[in-house]
């Protein structure tokens, strides 16, 4: 894992692009993402736009998985923290798998994961010096993911479909808050801190 304090410009722009385009995600794609194939049957939608949006989300999940891998392999994390990092990585792998399955059901090709070295360079892993640096990087990536997934929710009129994005955002929020705690930082100062 890399220091969260220095998330790359690519990561930030990818999250912004994801949030900016999420309003076009069709209910078909969300139904498939939610595992509600029967609901998706008979719905019409532009799957090429959906695949593009879902691939941006998938790219963010690939980045998170690799960030946690880099953090775990850095030798900078103490045992209890390492266990939590591995758990968070498992959550991101579940998100990845759901996104890949949905993209494939829509007839698209999932964006490929890059090489670990590419993520190390993009996340500037060589600047990590201690456990705090690794946790800081993870916290920044998680906060970006929270806001990206929250950006999707208003696009859905169907409560069941919006629930999927909310569940993803909840996972990311849990990760972010626990990372803040591990860093000894205060919880977000006020209500409505996320998704703004």
Protein backbone atom coordinates (compact mmCIF):
# COMPACT_ATOMS: atom_id res chain seq x y z
CA UNK A 1 0.00 0.00 0.00
CA UNK A 2 1.15 3.47 -0.70
CA UNK A 3 0.74 6.56 1.27
CA UNK A 4 -2.71 7.82 0.81
CA UNK A 5 -1.55 11.36 1.14
CA UNK A 6 -0.31 11.28 -2.43
CA UNK A 7 -3.04 9.70 -4.55
CA UNK A 8 -2.13 10.14 -8.16
CA UNK A 9 -3.69 12.68 -10.47
CA UNK A 10 -4.81 9.73 -12.61
CA UNK A 11 -6.68 8.20 -9.66
CA UNK A 12 -8.37 11.47 -8.79
CA UNK A 13 -9.34 12.21 -12.40
CA UNK A 14 -10.63 8.65 -12.85
CA UNK A 15 -12.85 9.02 -9.80
CA UNK A 16 -14.12 12.39 -11.01
CA UNK A 17 -14.82 10.93 -14.44
CA UNK A 18 -16.68 8.05 -12.83
CA UNK A 19 -18.77 10.38 -10.70
CA UNK A 20 -19.43 12.67 -13.65
CA UNK A 21 -20.67 9.85 -15.89
CA UNK A 22 -22.55 7.72 -13.40
CA UNK A 23 -25.85 9.45 -14.10
CA UNK A 24 -25.95 7.58 -17.41
CA UNK A 25 -25.70 4.11 -15.88
CA UNK A 26 -28.82 2.25 -16.90
CA UNK A 27 -31.11 0.34 -14.61
CA UNK A 28 -30.19 -2.78 -16.61
CA UNK A 29 -26.56 -2.49 -15.54
CA UNK A 30 -27.44 -1.81 -11.93
CA UNK A 31 -29.88 -4.71 -11.83
CA UNK A 32 -27.17 -7.02 -13.13
CA UNK A 33 -24.64 -5.59 -10.68
CA UNK A 34 -27.11 -6.28 -7.88
CA UNK A 35 -27.42 -9.88 -9.03
CA UNK A 36 -31.02 -9.30 -10.10
CA UNK A 37 -30.83 -10.87 -13.56
CA UNK A 38 -34.60 -11.41 -13.70
CA UNK A 39 -35.21 -7.71 -13.12
CA UNK A 40 -32.77 -6.86 -15.93
CA UNK A 41 -34.57 -9.09 -18.44
CA UNK A 42 -36.75 -7.10 -20.79
CA UNK A 43 -35.21 -3.74 -19.85
CA UNK A 44 -33.68 -1.66 -22.60
CA UNK A 45 -30.49 0.28 -22.19
CA UNK A 46 -27.34 1.44 -23.90
CA UNK A 47 -24.94 -1.21 -22.69
CA UNK A 48 -21.88 0.45 -24.27
CA UNK A 49 -22.25 3.44 -21.95
CA UNK A 50 -22.88 1.15 -19.01
CA UNK A 51 -19.82 -0.93 -19.81
CA UNK A 52 -17.69 2.21 -19.97
CA UNK A 53 -18.90 3.46 -16.59
CA UNK A 54 -18.57 0.05 -14.98
CA UNK A 55 -15.06 -0.30 -16.39
CA UNK A 56 -14.05 2.97 -14.71
CA UNK A 57 -15.34 1.55 -11.43
CA UNK A 58 -13.53 -1.72 -12.14
CA UNK A 59 -10.31 0.19 -12.77
CA UNK A 60 -10.68 1.82 -9.35
CA UNK A 61 -11.20 -1.58 -7.73
CA UNK A 62 -8.10 -2.95 -9.50
CA UNK A 63 -6.17 0.02 -8.12
CA UNK A 64 -7.42 -0.58 -4.58
CA UNK A 65 -6.61 -4.30 -4.70
CA UNK A 66 -3.09 -3.56 -5.86
CA UNK A 67 -2.61 -0.73 -3.35
CA UNK A 68 -3.43 -3.14 -0.55
CA UNK A 69 -1.12 -5.75 -2.09
CA UNK A 70 1.71 -3.23 -2.22
CA UNK A 71 1.02 -2.20 1.37
CA UNK A 72 0.94 -5.79 2.55
CA UNK A 73 4.20 -6.55 0.76
CA UNK A 74 5.96 -3.38 1.92
CA UNK A 75 7.05 -4.82 5.26
CA UNK A 76 5.83 -1.57 6.85
CA UNK A 77 2.60 -2.90 8.34
CA UNK A 78 2.46 -4.42 11.80
CA UNK A 79 0.60 -7.72 12.18
CA UNK A 80 -2.85 -6.48 13.33
CA UNK A 81 -2.88 -3.75 10.69
CA UNK A 82 -1.69 -6.17 8.03
CA UNK A 83 -4.64 -8.46 8.81
CA UNK A 84 -7.08 -5.58 8.35
CA UNK A 85 -5.44 -4.55 5.07
CA UNK A 86 -5.81 -8.09 3.76
CA UNK A 87 -9.49 -8.07 4.80
CA UNK A 88 -10.10 -4.76 3.00
CA UNK A 89 -8.39 -6.16 -0.08
CA UNK A 90 -10.80 -9.12 0.02
CA UNK A 91 -13.74 -6.69 0.00
CA UNK A 92 -12.31 -4.96 -3.07
CA UNK A 93 -11.87 -8.32 -4.77
CA UNK A 94 -15.57 -9.04 -4.18
CA UNK A 95 -16.46 -5.64 -5.69
CA UNK A 96 -14.17 -6.42 -8.65
CA UNK A 97 -15.80 -9.79 -9.23
CA UNK A 98 -19.32 -8.29 -9.19
CA UNK A 99 -18.27 -5.59 -11.66
CA UNK A 100 -16.60 -8.10 -13.99
CA UNK A 101 -19.67 -10.36 -13.98
CA UNK A 102 -21.95 -7.42 -14.75
CA UNK A 103 -19.75 -6.13 -17.57
CA UNK A 104 -19.66 -9.59 -19.12
CA UNK A 105 -23.44 -10.02 -18.80
CA UNK A 106 -23.78 -6.74 -20.69
CA UNK A 107 -21.61 -8.17 -23.47
CA UNK A 108 -18.63 -5.99 -22.66
CA UNK A 109 -14.99 -6.69 -22.04
CA UNK A 110 -13.78 -5.91 -18.52
CA UNK A 111 -10.82 -3.56 -18.32
CA UNK A 112 -7.70 -5.54 -17.56
CA UNK A 113 -5.72 -5.17 -14.39
CA UNK A 114 -2.31 -3.59 -14.92
CA UNK A 115 0.97 -4.98 -13.64
CA UNK A 116 1.73 -4.50 -9.95
CA UNK A 117 4.78 -2.39 -10.88
CA UNK A 118 2.54 0.01 -12.81
CA UNK A 119 0.41 0.57 -9.72
CA UNK A 120 3.52 0.95 -7.58
CA UNK A 121 4.78 3.70 -9.86
CA UNK A 122 1.40 5.46 -10.18
CA UNK A 123 0.85 5.37 -6.41
CA UNK A 124 4.45 6.40 -5.70
CA UNK A 125 5.06 3.45 -3.40
CA UNK A 126 8.74 4.32 -3.28
CA UNK A 127 7.82 7.32 -1.08
CA UNK A 128 6.33 5.15 1.68
CA UNK A 129 8.51 5.16 4.76
CA UNK A 130 6.33 3.79 7.55
CA UNK A 131 2.98 2.30 8.46
CA UNK A 132 1.39 5.75 8.70
CA UNK A 133 2.33 6.49 5.09
CA UNK A 134 0.71 3.26 3.93
CA UNK A 135 -2.45 3.89 5.93
CA UNK A 136 -2.63 7.47 4.68
CA UNK A 137 -2.54 6.28 1.08
CA UNK A 138 -5.23 3.70 1.74
CA UNK A 139 -7.46 6.26 3.47
CA UNK A 140 -7.27 8.65 0.53
CA UNK A 141 -8.10 5.92 -1.96
CA UNK A 142 -11.02 4.74 0.17
CA UNK A 143 -12.42 8.26 0.53
CA UNK A 144 -12.27 8.67 -3.24
CA UNK A 145 -14.15 5.40 -3.65
CA UNK A 146 -16.81 6.45 -1.11
CA UNK A 147 -17.51 9.63 -3.03
CA UNK A 148 -17.46 7.88 -6.41
CA UNK A 149 -20.04 5.29 -5.37
CA UNK A 150 -22.22 7.87 -3.61
CA UNK A 151 -22.23 9.82 -6.86
CA UNK A 152 -24.09 6.95 -8.52
CA UNK A 153 -27.02 6.74 -6.10
CA UNK A 154 -29.05 9.77 -7.28
CA UNK A 155 -29.19 8.33 -10.80
CA UNK A 156 -31.54 5.53 -9.79
CA UNK A 157 -35.29 5.85 -9.42
CA UNK A 158 -35.61 2.26 -8.22
CA UNK A 159 -34.69 1.88 -4.55
CA UNK A 160 -33.50 -1.68 -5.06
CA UNK A 161 -31.04 -0.56 -7.70
CA UNK A 162 -29.73 2.38 -5.69
CA UNK A 163 -29.16 -0.02 -2.80
CA UNK A 164 -26.22 -1.67 -4.62
CA UNK A 165 -24.32 1.58 -4.95
CA UNK A 166 -25.12 2.35 -1.32
CA UNK A 167 -23.75 -1.00 -0.19
CA UNK A 168 -20.51 -0.43 -2.11
CA UNK A 169 -20.21 3.06 -0.62
CA UNK A 170 -20.86 1.63 2.86
CA UNK A 171 -17.96 -0.82 2.49
CA UNK A 172 -15.66 1.99 1.39
CA UNK A 173 -16.86 4.25 4.23
CA UNK A 174 -16.19 1.51 6.77
CA UNK A 175 -12.68 1.12 5.39
CA UNK A 176 -12.06 4.88 5.44
CA UNK A 177 -13.26 5.40 9.02
CA UNK A 178 -11.26 2.45 10.34
CA UNK A 179 -8.16 3.77 8.57
CA UNK A 180 -8.69 7.20 10.14
CA UNK A 181 -8.92 5.51 13.52
CA UNK A 182 -5.72 3.54 12.90
CA UNK A 183 -3.98 6.79 11.98
CA UNK A 184 -5.19 8.37 15.23
CA UNK A 185 -7.15 10.98 13.31
CA UNK A 186 -10.57 12.25 14.34
CA UNK A 187 -13.71 11.03 12.69
CA UNK A 188 -15.20 13.34 10.06
CA UNK A 189 -16.15 16.57 11.82
CA UNK A 190 -19.81 16.78 10.95
CA UNK A 191 -22.84 15.19 9.44
CA UNK A 192 -23.10 14.79 5.67
CA UNK A 193 -19.32 14.57 5.27
CA UNK A 194 -19.35 12.19 2.32
CA UNK A 195 -20.46 12.50 -1.26
CA UNK A 196 -20.22 16.28 -1.47
